């Protein structure tokens, strides 16, 4: 069982990801694909006159400010454009893919945040009314039903809150939750860089391996900055939870999943 999270930044080779995933699926590999769509969401939001805003939180993490209008744009792009583009590509390459959001069948359920703390001009402020939250439950029954019937699930945020509202949730963390819930052997994060870089954006500074027991050491924590922090912390949670390895790898190349499984990128064990 493999869970693959493909990011939504510029430069992602979705054709190569879909071709590789379909090839593995046809060989009998059980695979779940989770995707983002941040770059497309930003473009659509700008075109609709509702440009994106991002918050930096006291712990250094960043997130999208999600009011109701932003959530609707998010759903339009993630659940529509990007999800169906991937399903189409997978079908074209011979994999019987099914696209679902976290809302469908209560696939991803979590808690909506009542307030979000952020830092602005050196001061900690509180934003209320945000439609964001974190995944706490995964409907593994639905996923196993699809997998056992021979389908390739293609999943995307948003998730569903306990009050039955759509909530924007981090796709990297959601992928880690799915991998843990399904007992996956490997979790692969594909993005527009070759892995974790010690000196971003210098791709020659690729860190090949991170022993999970050393993640708290300064040289490794330095890798977990900004939006990358959630990826690293999600990887650590996944490995500590029983996933054998997490691989951060390049989605711009041919056969990106197979290369990741071969150890190309950054491996967290």
Protein backbone atom coordinates (compact mmCIF):
# COMPACT_ATOMS: atom_id res chain seq x y z
CA UNK A 1 0.00 0.00 0.00
CA UNK A 2 1.37 3.36 -1.08
CA UNK A 3 -0.07 6.83 -0.47
CA UNK A 4 1.20 9.53 -2.83
CA UNK A 5 0.63 13.23 -2.20
CA UNK A 6 1.27 15.41 -5.24
CA UNK A 7 1.53 19.12 -4.60
CA UNK A 8 -0.15 21.97 -6.40
CA UNK A 9 2.77 24.31 -7.05
CA UNK A 10 4.02 25.48 -10.46
CA UNK A 11 6.07 22.99 -12.43
CA UNK A 12 4.35 19.75 -11.41
CA UNK A 13 4.34 17.19 -14.24
CA UNK A 14 0.83 15.79 -13.72
CA UNK A 15 1.07 13.74 -16.90
CA UNK A 16 4.14 11.91 -15.59
CA UNK A 17 2.59 11.41 -12.15
CA UNK A 18 -0.60 9.96 -13.65
CA UNK A 19 1.27 7.71 -16.09
CA UNK A 20 3.49 6.37 -13.30
CA UNK A 21 0.58 5.86 -10.88
CA UNK A 22 -1.46 4.07 -13.56
CA UNK A 23 1.48 1.83 -14.41
CA UNK A 24 1.89 0.80 -10.77
CA UNK A 25 -1.88 0.29 -10.43
CA UNK A 26 -1.92 -2.02 -13.46
CA UNK A 27 0.87 -4.04 -11.83
CA UNK A 28 -1.37 -4.62 -8.82
CA UNK A 29 0.10 -2.03 -6.47
CA UNK A 30 -2.56 -0.65 -4.13
CA UNK A 31 -2.24 3.09 -4.32
CA UNK A 32 -4.10 6.17 -3.09
CA UNK A 33 -3.34 9.54 -4.66
CA UNK A 34 -3.88 12.76 -2.67
CA UNK A 35 -3.42 16.12 -4.40
CA UNK A 36 -3.27 19.84 -3.80
CA UNK A 37 -3.97 22.77 -6.11
CA UNK A 38 -2.57 25.92 -4.53
CA UNK A 39 -1.13 27.49 -7.67
CA UNK A 40 -4.34 27.09 -9.69
CA UNK A 41 -6.39 28.33 -6.73
CA UNK A 42 -4.30 31.50 -6.53
CA UNK A 43 -4.78 32.16 -10.27
CA UNK A 44 -8.55 31.65 -10.13
CA UNK A 45 -8.87 33.74 -6.96
CA UNK A 46 -7.01 36.62 -8.63
CA UNK A 47 -9.17 36.33 -11.76
CA UNK A 48 -12.34 36.43 -9.64
CA UNK A 49 -11.20 39.54 -7.79
CA UNK A 50 -10.69 37.77 -4.49
CA UNK A 51 -6.89 37.46 -4.25
CA UNK A 52 -5.38 34.99 -1.76
CA UNK A 53 -4.18 36.03 1.68
CA UNK A 54 -1.80 34.00 3.79
CA UNK A 55 -1.24 34.07 7.53
CA UNK A 56 2.00 33.38 9.35
CA UNK A 57 1.34 31.76 12.70
CA UNK A 58 3.38 32.13 15.91
CA UNK A 59 4.96 28.68 15.36
CA UNK A 60 6.28 29.80 11.96
CA UNK A 61 3.75 27.83 9.88
CA UNK A 62 1.76 29.49 7.13
CA UNK A 63 -1.82 28.92 6.02
CA UNK A 64 -4.36 30.33 3.59
CA UNK A 65 -6.89 32.72 5.14
CA UNK A 66 -10.15 31.00 4.23
CA UNK A 67 -13.37 33.00 4.33
CA UNK A 68 -16.52 31.58 2.71
CA UNK A 69 -15.72 33.05 -0.72
CA UNK A 70 -12.20 31.62 -0.60
CA UNK A 71 -13.60 28.24 0.42
CA UNK A 72 -15.90 28.25 -2.61
CA UNK A 73 -12.97 29.04 -4.91
CA UNK A 74 -10.96 26.33 -3.17
CA UNK A 75 -13.75 23.79 -3.81
CA UNK A 76 -14.08 24.89 -7.42
CA UNK A 77 -10.40 24.32 -8.16
CA UNK A 78 -9.50 21.38 -5.93
CA UNK A 79 -12.70 19.33 -6.29
CA UNK A 80 -13.33 20.33 -9.89
CA UNK A 81 -10.46 21.39 -12.11
CA UNK A 82 -7.47 19.64 -10.50
CA UNK A 83 -9.23 16.50 -9.28
CA UNK A 84 -10.96 15.79 -12.57
CA UNK A 85 -7.83 16.62 -14.55
CA UNK A 86 -5.96 13.91 -12.62
CA UNK A 87 -8.84 11.43 -12.96
CA UNK A 88 -8.92 12.07 -16.71
CA UNK A 89 -5.15 11.55 -17.02
CA UNK A 90 -5.28 8.34 -14.99
CA UNK A 91 -8.16 6.99 -17.09
CA UNK A 92 -6.21 7.88 -20.23
CA UNK A 93 -3.32 5.76 -18.96
CA UNK A 94 -5.55 2.82 -18.12
CA UNK A 95 -6.24 3.21 -14.39
CA UNK A 96 -9.86 3.18 -13.22
CA UNK A 97 -9.62 6.24 -10.99
CA UNK A 98 -12.35 7.67 -8.75
CA UNK A 99 -12.07 11.30 -7.63
CA UNK A 100 -13.38 12.24 -4.19
CA UNK A 101 -13.13 15.20 -1.85
CA UNK A 102 -12.96 14.84 1.91
CA UNK A 103 -16.64 15.81 1.97
CA UNK A 104 -17.78 12.76 0.01
CA UNK A 105 -18.90 9.92 2.23
CA UNK A 106 -17.43 11.79 5.22
CA UNK A 107 -14.06 10.69 3.91
CA UNK A 108 -12.01 13.23 5.91
CA UNK A 109 -13.55 14.60 9.10
CA UNK A 110 -12.03 17.01 11.59
CA UNK A 111 -12.45 19.99 13.84
CA UNK A 112 -13.04 23.52 12.55
CA UNK A 113 -10.86 26.08 14.29
CA UNK A 114 -12.88 28.68 16.16
CA UNK A 115 -10.01 31.19 16.04
CA UNK A 116 -6.64 31.39 14.30
CA UNK A 117 -3.64 33.18 15.79
CA UNK A 118 -1.27 34.91 13.40
CA UNK A 119 1.61 37.36 13.49
CA UNK A 120 1.41 40.77 11.82
CA UNK A 121 3.94 43.58 12.27
CA UNK A 122 5.50 41.64 15.12
CA UNK A 123 2.22 41.36 17.03
CA UNK A 124 0.13 38.25 17.66
CA UNK A 125 -3.44 38.76 16.45
CA UNK A 126 -6.56 36.58 16.32
CA UNK A 127 -8.66 35.93 13.23
CA UNK A 128 -12.17 34.51 13.68
CA UNK A 129 -14.62 33.14 11.13
CA UNK A 130 -12.04 31.10 9.24
CA UNK A 131 -13.15 27.91 7.48
CA UNK A 132 -10.04 25.92 8.36
CA UNK A 133 -9.41 22.82 10.43
CA UNK A 134 -7.45 19.61 10.75
CA UNK A 135 -8.28 16.03 9.81
CA UNK A 136 -8.91 13.74 12.78
CA UNK A 137 -10.82 10.86 11.18
CA UNK A 138 -10.48 8.98 7.87
CA UNK A 139 -13.29 6.84 6.47
CA UNK A 140 -11.11 3.79 5.81
CA UNK A 141 -14.19 1.66 5.14
CA UNK A 142 -14.98 3.68 2.02
CA UNK A 143 -11.35 3.69 0.86
CA UNK A 144 -10.93 -0.05 1.36
CA UNK A 145 -14.21 -0.67 -0.47
CA UNK A 146 -12.85 1.21 -3.48
CA UNK A 147 -9.41 -0.38 -3.30
CA UNK A 148 -10.78 -3.91 -2.97
CA UNK A 149 -13.08 -3.28 -5.94
CA UNK A 150 -10.05 -2.34 -8.03
CA UNK A 151 -10.38 1.44 -8.15
CA UNK A 152 -7.61 4.01 -7.70
CA UNK A 153 -8.89 6.70 -5.28
CA UNK A 154 -7.86 10.30 -6.01
CA UNK A 155 -8.48 12.41 -2.92
CA UNK A 156 -8.47 16.13 -2.20
CA UNK A 157 -9.41 18.58 0.56
CA UNK A 158 -11.64 20.11 1.81
CA UNK A 159 -12.58 18.02 4.82
CA UNK A 160 -15.86 17.98 6.70
CA UNK A 161 -16.19 19.49 10.16
CA UNK A 162 -18.09 17.81 12.99
CA UNK A 163 -20.75 20.48 12.38
CA UNK A 164 -20.98 19.29 8.74
CA UNK A 165 -19.29 22.34 7.23
CA UNK A 166 -16.58 22.23 4.57
CA UNK A 167 -13.19 23.19 5.98
CA UNK A 168 -9.91 23.94 4.25
CA UNK A 169 -7.33 21.52 5.59
CA UNK A 170 -3.66 20.96 4.86
CA UNK A 171 -3.27 18.33 2.14
CA UNK A 172 0.12 17.12 3.36
CA UNK A 173 -1.22 16.41 6.84
CA UNK A 174 -4.34 14.82 5.37
CA UNK A 175 -2.17 12.49 3.26
CA UNK A 176 -0.24 11.44 6.38
CA UNK A 177 -3.54 10.72 8.16
CA UNK A 178 -4.73 8.61 5.22
CA UNK A 179 -1.44 6.69 5.12
CA UNK A 180 -1.61 5.97 8.85
CA UNK A 181 -5.28 4.97 8.72
CA UNK A 182 -4.66 2.53 5.87
CA UNK A 183 -1.42 1.17 7.32
CA UNK A 184 0.56 2.15 4.23
CA UNK A 185 4.17 1.04 3.95
CA UNK A 186 5.30 4.19 2.16
CA UNK A 187 4.11 7.79 1.96
CA UNK A 188 5.49 9.83 -0.95
CA UNK A 189 5.37 13.64 -1.14
CA UNK A 190 5.89 14.89 -4.69
CA UNK A 191 6.58 18.59 -5.28
CA UNK A 192 8.48 20.98 -7.56
CA UNK A 193 11.82 20.40 -5.80
CA UNK A 194 13.91 17.19 -5.60
CA UNK A 195 13.37 16.81 -1.84
CA UNK A 196 14.31 18.71 1.30
CA UNK A 197 17.04 21.24 0.65
CA UNK A 198 19.58 22.35 3.25
CA UNK A 199 20.09 25.62 1.38
CA UNK A 200 16.85 26.42 -0.44
CA UNK A 201 16.55 26.91 -3.43
CA UNK A 202 19.94 25.30 -4.18
CA UNK A 203 18.96 21.86 -5.49
CA UNK A 204 22.53 20.70 -5.00
CA UNK A 205 21.95 20.91 -1.24
CA UNK A 206 19.52 17.96 -1.24
CA UNK A 207 19.40 16.12 2.09
CA UNK A 208 19.29 12.41 1.24
CA UNK A 209 18.07 10.96 4.52
CA UNK A 210 16.67 12.04 7.89
CA UNK A 211 16.69 9.57 10.79
CA UNK A 212 13.41 10.28 12.58
CA UNK A 213 15.05 10.08 16.01
CA UNK A 214 17.28 13.05 15.05
CA UNK A 215 14.56 15.29 13.63
CA UNK A 216 14.71 17.63 16.64
CA UNK A 217 18.38 18.42 16.02
CA UNK A 218 19.05 21.96 14.67
CA UNK A 219 20.42 20.81 11.31
CA UNK A 220 17.18 18.99 10.53
CA UNK A 221 14.75 21.45 12.12
CA UNK A 222 16.28 24.11 9.86
CA UNK A 223 14.67 22.26 6.95
CA UNK A 224 11.21 22.71 8.46
CA UNK A 225 10.55 26.33 7.62
CA UNK A 226 7.37 28.01 6.36
CA UNK A 227 5.00 25.75 4.45
CA UNK A 228 7.61 22.95 4.46
CA UNK A 229 7.24 22.64 8.23
CA UNK A 230 3.90 20.84 7.96
CA UNK A 231 5.38 18.36 5.49
CA UNK A 232 8.29 17.54 7.79
CA UNK A 233 6.18 17.28 10.93
CA UNK A 234 3.62 15.17 9.05
CA UNK A 235 6.39 12.86 7.89
CA UNK A 236 7.68 12.46 11.43
CA UNK A 237 4.16 11.72 12.71
CA UNK A 238 3.68 9.13 9.96
CA UNK A 239 6.97 7.32 10.65
CA UNK A 240 6.44 7.35 14.40
CA UNK A 241 2.92 6.03 13.77
CA UNK A 242 4.18 2.97 11.90
CA UNK A 243 4.80 4.04 8.28
CA UNK A 244 8.13 2.47 7.31
CA UNK A 245 9.34 5.44 5.32
CA UNK A 246 8.33 8.81 3.93
CA UNK A 247 9.97 10.11 0.75
CA UNK A 248 10.08 13.74 -0.44
CA UNK A 249 10.71 13.63 -4.18
CA UNK A 250 10.55 15.47 -7.50
CA UNK A 251 7.28 15.68 -9.47
CA UNK A 252 8.89 17.38 -12.47
CA UNK A 253 10.60 14.25 -13.78
CA UNK A 254 9.50 11.13 -15.63
CA UNK A 255 8.46 8.13 -13.47
CA UNK A 256 8.40 10.29 -10.32
CA UNK A 257 6.73 7.72 -8.03
CA UNK A 258 9.05 4.87 -9.02
CA UNK A 259 12.06 7.13 -8.54
CA UNK A 260 10.83 8.07 -5.09
CA UNK A 261 10.30 4.41 -4.20
CA UNK A 262 13.87 3.75 -5.36
CA UNK A 263 15.08 6.32 -2.82
CA UNK A 264 15.59 9.35 -5.04
CA UNK A 265 14.84 12.40 -2.91
CA UNK A 266 14.82 12.78 0.87
CA UNK A 267 13.94 9.65 2.85
CA UNK A 268 12.64 9.82 6.42
CA UNK A 269 12.89 6.47 8.17
